[in-house]
Amino acid sequence: MPRDHHFLIGGVKFLWRYTRLRGKAHGWTYHGEKVLIEERLQKRAKLCTEIHEFLHAANPNMSEEAVVNQSEDLSKILWALGYRQQSSEH
């Protein structure tokens, strides 16, 4: 089981956890509290979801459409530049 992480996002401390999620969602952000990421995601889908949920945490008033567009664009750029997870730990 991966360990939990704690990050300051916009001056607010968030629990960042990889876990199994029910339904179709790849991630959830509970504002001012926690970010949950589907633990079965891999590769660019995982990176895109991490960016997506970060954007929700950092910009709670940003529209879903803007979050989707920005997370997809940034994940494509970072992936093309060679960013990859280095270890099996989340």
N, C-alpha and C. Protein backbone atom coordinates (compact mmCIF):
# COMPACT_ATOMS: atom_id res chain seq x y z
N MET A 1 0.85 -1.18 0.00
CA MET A 1 0.00 0.00 0.00
C MET A 1 0.89 1.24 0.00
N PRO A 2 0.69 2.15 -0.95
CA PRO A 2 1.51 3.36 -1.00
C PRO A 2 1.27 4.24 0.21
N ARG A 3 2.30 4.97 0.56
CA ARG A 3 2.15 5.85 1.71
C ARG A 3 1.42 7.12 1.31
N ASP A 4 0.85 7.76 2.29
CA ASP A 4 0.18 9.04 2.06
C ASP A 4 1.23 10.14 1.95
N HIS A 5 0.84 11.19 1.26
CA HIS A 5 1.67 12.37 1.13
C HIS A 5 0.88 13.56 1.64
N HIS A 6 1.59 14.59 2.06
CA HIS A 6 0.95 15.84 2.45
C HIS A 6 1.65 16.97 1.70
N PHE A 7 0.85 17.80 1.03
CA PHE A 7 1.38 18.89 0.24
C PHE A 7 0.66 20.17 0.58
N LEU A 8 1.39 21.28 0.54
CA LEU A 8 0.77 22.59 0.60
C LEU A 8 0.43 23.01 -0.82
N ILE A 9 -0.83 23.29 -1.05
CA ILE A 9 -1.30 23.75 -2.35
C ILE A 9 -2.05 25.05 -2.10
N GLY A 10 -1.50 26.14 -2.59
CA GLY A 10 -2.12 27.44 -2.35
C GLY A 10 -2.19 27.79 -0.89
N GLY A 11 -1.20 27.33 -0.12
CA GLY A 11 -1.15 27.60 1.31
C GLY A 11 -2.04 26.71 2.16
N VAL A 12 -2.70 25.74 1.55
CA VAL A 12 -3.59 24.82 2.26
C VAL A 12 -2.96 23.44 2.25
N LYS A 13 -2.94 22.79 3.41
CA LYS A 13 -2.36 21.44 3.51
C LYS A 13 -3.38 20.41 3.02
N PHE A 14 -2.96 19.62 2.03
CA PHE A 14 -3.79 18.56 1.47
C PHE A 14 -3.16 17.20 1.73
N LEU A 15 -3.98 16.23 2.09
CA LEU A 15 -3.59 14.83 2.07
C LEU A 15 -3.68 14.39 0.62
N TRP A 16 -2.63 13.71 0.12
CA TRP A 16 -2.59 13.21 -1.25
C TRP A 16 -2.48 11.70 -1.13
N ARG A 17 -3.49 10.97 -1.61
CA ARG A 17 -3.54 9.52 -1.39
C ARG A 17 -3.90 8.80 -2.69
N TYR A 18 -3.21 7.68 -2.90
CA TYR A 18 -3.52 6.77 -4.01
C TYR A 18 -4.35 5.63 -3.43
N THR A 19 -5.51 5.39 -4.02
CA THR A 19 -6.43 4.39 -3.50
C THR A 19 -7.33 3.91 -4.63
N ARG A 20 -8.08 2.87 -4.37
CA ARG A 20 -9.07 2.40 -5.36
C ARG A 20 -10.31 3.26 -5.23
N LEU A 21 -10.76 3.78 -6.35
CA LEU A 21 -11.95 4.60 -6.37
C LEU A 21 -13.09 3.83 -7.02
N ARG A 22 -14.28 4.06 -6.55
CA ARG A 22 -15.47 3.44 -7.13
C ARG A 22 -15.97 4.29 -8.29
N GLY A 23 -16.61 3.65 -9.22
CA GLY A 23 -17.17 4.38 -10.35
C GLY A 23 -16.13 4.67 -11.41
N LYS A 24 -16.41 5.67 -12.23
CA LYS A 24 -15.56 5.97 -13.38
C LYS A 24 -14.51 7.04 -13.11
N ALA A 25 -14.59 7.72 -11.98
CA ALA A 25 -13.66 8.82 -11.70
C ALA A 25 -12.24 8.30 -11.52
N HIS A 26 -11.28 9.05 -12.06
CA HIS A 26 -9.87 8.73 -11.87
C HIS A 26 -9.28 9.47 -10.69
N GLY A 27 -10.00 10.48 -10.19
CA GLY A 27 -9.52 11.24 -9.05
C GLY A 27 -10.63 12.09 -8.46
N TRP A 28 -10.40 12.51 -7.21
CA TRP A 28 -11.33 13.38 -6.50
C TRP A 28 -10.54 14.39 -5.70
N THR A 29 -11.00 15.62 -5.68
CA THR A 29 -10.41 16.64 -4.82
C THR A 29 -11.48 17.13 -3.86
N TYR A 30 -11.18 17.04 -2.59
CA TYR A 30 -12.04 17.57 -1.54
C TYR A 30 -11.34 18.83 -1.05
N HIS A 31 -11.89 20.00 -1.38
CA HIS A 31 -11.21 21.27 -1.17
C HIS A 31 -10.84 21.50 0.28
N GLY A 32 -9.59 21.88 0.47
CA GLY A 32 -9.07 22.15 1.79
C GLY A 32 -8.85 20.91 2.62
N GLU A 33 -8.88 19.74 1.98
CA GLU A 33 -8.79 18.51 2.75
C GLU A 33 -7.90 17.45 2.10
N LYS A 34 -8.34 16.89 0.97
CA LYS A 34 -7.59 15.77 0.41
C LYS A 34 -7.79 15.62 -1.08
N VAL A 35 -6.83 14.93 -1.69
CA VAL A 35 -6.87 14.55 -3.09
C VAL A 35 -6.73 13.03 -3.14
N LEU A 36 -7.63 12.38 -3.84
CA LEU A 36 -7.58 10.94 -4.02
C LEU A 36 -7.35 10.63 -5.49
N ILE A 37 -6.39 9.74 -5.76
CA ILE A 37 -6.04 9.35 -7.12
C ILE A 37 -6.22 7.83 -7.24
N GLU A 38 -6.85 7.40 -8.32
CA GLU A 38 -7.02 5.96 -8.58
C GLU A 38 -5.65 5.29 -8.67
N GLU A 39 -5.43 4.31 -7.80
CA GLU A 39 -4.12 3.68 -7.69
C GLU A 39 -3.76 2.79 -8.88
N ARG A 40 -4.74 2.41 -9.69
CA ARG A 40 -4.46 1.53 -10.83
C ARG A 40 -4.03 2.29 -12.08
N LEU A 41 -4.08 3.60 -12.05
CA LEU A 41 -3.65 4.38 -13.22
C LEU A 41 -2.16 4.22 -13.45
N GLN A 42 -1.77 4.30 -14.71
CA GLN A 42 -0.36 4.19 -15.06
C GLN A 42 -0.01 5.20 -16.14
N LYS A 43 1.25 5.45 -16.26
CA LYS A 43 1.84 6.23 -17.33
C LYS A 43 1.20 7.61 -17.45
N ARG A 44 0.91 8.03 -18.70
CA ARG A 44 0.44 9.39 -18.91
C ARG A 44 -0.94 9.63 -18.32
N ALA A 45 -1.77 8.61 -18.24
CA ALA A 45 -3.09 8.76 -17.62
C ALA A 45 -2.95 9.14 -16.15
N LYS A 46 -1.97 8.56 -15.49
CA LYS A 46 -1.72 8.89 -14.09
C LYS A 46 -1.22 10.33 -13.97
N LEU A 47 -0.25 10.70 -14.80
CA LEU A 47 0.28 12.05 -14.78
C LEU A 47 -0.83 13.07 -15.05
N CYS A 48 -1.65 12.82 -16.03
CA CYS A 48 -2.74 13.73 -16.37
C CYS A 48 -3.72 13.88 -15.20
N THR A 49 -4.04 12.79 -14.54
CA THR A 49 -4.96 12.84 -13.40
C THR A 49 -4.33 13.58 -12.23
N GLU A 50 -3.05 13.38 -11.98
CA GLU A 50 -2.37 14.11 -10.91
C GLU A 50 -2.41 15.61 -11.17
N ILE A 51 -2.14 16.01 -12.40
CA ILE A 51 -2.19 17.43 -12.75
C ILE A 51 -3.62 17.95 -12.64
N HIS A 52 -4.57 17.18 -13.13
CA HIS A 52 -5.99 17.55 -13.08
C HIS A 52 -6.44 17.83 -11.65
N GLU A 53 -6.12 16.91 -10.75
CA GLU A 53 -6.56 17.09 -9.36
C GLU A 53 -5.80 18.22 -8.67
N PHE A 54 -4.52 18.40 -9.01
CA PHE A 54 -3.79 19.55 -8.48
C PHE A 54 -4.48 20.85 -8.90
N LEU A 55 -4.87 20.94 -10.18
CA LEU A 55 -5.52 22.16 -10.66
C LEU A 55 -6.82 22.42 -9.91
N HIS A 56 -7.59 21.38 -9.62
CA HIS A 56 -8.80 21.56 -8.82
C HIS A 56 -8.46 22.09 -7.43
N ALA A 57 -7.42 21.54 -6.82
CA ALA A 57 -7.05 21.97 -5.46
C ALA A 57 -6.54 23.41 -5.46
N ALA A 58 -5.74 23.76 -6.46
CA ALA A 58 -5.12 25.09 -6.50
C ALA A 58 -6.09 26.16 -7.00
N ASN A 59 -7.08 25.75 -7.78
CA ASN A 59 -8.01 26.70 -8.42
C ASN A 59 -9.44 26.22 -8.26
N PRO A 60 -10.00 26.29 -7.06
CA PRO A 60 -11.33 25.70 -6.83
C PRO A 60 -12.44 26.31 -7.68
N ASN A 61 -12.24 27.50 -8.22
CA ASN A 61 -13.29 28.13 -9.03
C ASN A 61 -13.09 27.92 -10.54
N MET A 62 -12.03 27.20 -10.91
CA MET A 62 -11.78 26.94 -12.33
C MET A 62 -12.82 25.94 -12.85
N SER A 63 -13.30 26.18 -14.05
CA SER A 63 -14.31 25.29 -14.63
C SER A 63 -13.71 23.91 -14.92
N GLU A 64 -14.56 22.91 -14.96
CA GLU A 64 -14.10 21.55 -15.28
C GLU A 64 -13.49 21.51 -16.68
N GLU A 65 -14.08 22.23 -17.61
CA GLU A 65 -13.56 22.26 -18.97
C GLU A 65 -12.13 22.82 -18.99
N ALA A 66 -11.88 23.89 -18.27
CA ALA A 66 -10.54 24.48 -18.21
C ALA A 66 -9.56 23.52 -17.55
N VAL A 67 -9.98 22.87 -16.47
CA VAL A 67 -9.11 21.91 -15.78
C VAL A 67 -8.75 20.76 -16.72
N VAL A 68 -9.73 20.23 -17.43
CA VAL A 68 -9.48 19.12 -18.36
C VAL A 68 -8.51 19.57 -19.45
N ASN A 69 -8.77 20.70 -20.06
CA ASN A 69 -7.91 21.18 -21.15
C ASN A 69 -6.49 21.42 -20.68
N GLN A 70 -6.33 22.09 -19.55
CA GLN A 70 -4.98 22.40 -19.07
C GLN A 70 -4.23 21.16 -18.61
N SER A 71 -4.92 20.24 -17.95
CA SER A 71 -4.23 19.03 -17.48
C SER A 71 -3.80 18.16 -18.67
N GLU A 72 -4.64 18.07 -19.69
CA GLU A 72 -4.27 17.29 -20.88
C GLU A 72 -3.10 17.94 -21.61
N ASP A 73 -3.15 19.26 -21.78
CA ASP A 73 -2.05 19.96 -22.46
C ASP A 73 -0.73 19.81 -21.71
N LEU A 74 -0.75 20.06 -20.40
CA LEU A 74 0.49 19.98 -19.62
C LEU A 74 1.02 18.56 -19.55
N SER A 75 0.14 17.58 -19.41
CA SER A 75 0.63 16.19 -19.35
C SER A 75 1.26 15.77 -20.68
N LYS A 76 0.71 16.22 -21.80
CA LYS A 76 1.30 15.92 -23.11
C LYS A 76 2.69 16.54 -23.24
N ILE A 77 2.82 17.78 -22.80
CA ILE A 77 4.12 18.47 -22.87
C ILE A 77 5.15 17.77 -21.99
N LEU A 78 4.78 17.51 -20.73
CA LEU A 78 5.73 16.87 -19.80
C LEU A 78 6.10 15.47 -20.29
N TRP A 79 5.14 14.73 -20.80
CA TRP A 79 5.40 13.38 -21.31
C TRP A 79 6.37 13.43 -22.49
N ALA A 80 6.15 14.38 -23.41
CA ALA A 80 7.03 14.53 -24.57
C ALA A 80 8.44 14.93 -24.15
N LEU A 81 8.56 15.65 -23.03
CA LEU A 81 9.86 16.06 -22.52
C LEU A 81 10.56 14.95 -21.72
N GLY A 82 9.85 13.82 -21.52
CA GLY A 82 10.48 12.67 -20.89
C GLY A 82 10.19 12.48 -19.41
N TYR A 83 9.25 13.25 -18.86
CA TYR A 83 8.94 13.06 -17.44
C TYR A 83 8.25 11.73 -17.22
N ARG A 84 8.84 10.93 -16.32
CA ARG A 84 8.30 9.61 -15.99
C ARG A 84 8.48 9.37 -14.50
N GLN A 85 7.64 8.53 -13.94
CA GLN A 85 7.80 8.13 -12.55
C GLN A 85 8.99 7.19 -12.46
N GLN A 86 9.89 7.44 -11.53
CA GLN A 86 11.14 6.69 -11.45
C GLN A 86 11.07 5.41 -10.63
N SER A 87 10.14 5.33 -9.70
CA SER A 87 10.08 4.15 -8.84
C SER A 87 8.67 3.61 -8.78
N SER A 88 8.51 2.47 -8.16
CA SER A 88 7.17 1.89 -8.03
C SER A 88 6.37 2.60 -6.96
N GLU A 89 7.02 3.39 -6.11
CA GLU A 89 6.31 4.15 -5.08
C GLU A 89 5.60 5.33 -5.73
N HIS A 90 4.41 5.63 -5.25
CA HIS A 90 3.62 6.74 -5.80
C HIS A 90 4.20 8.00 -5.25
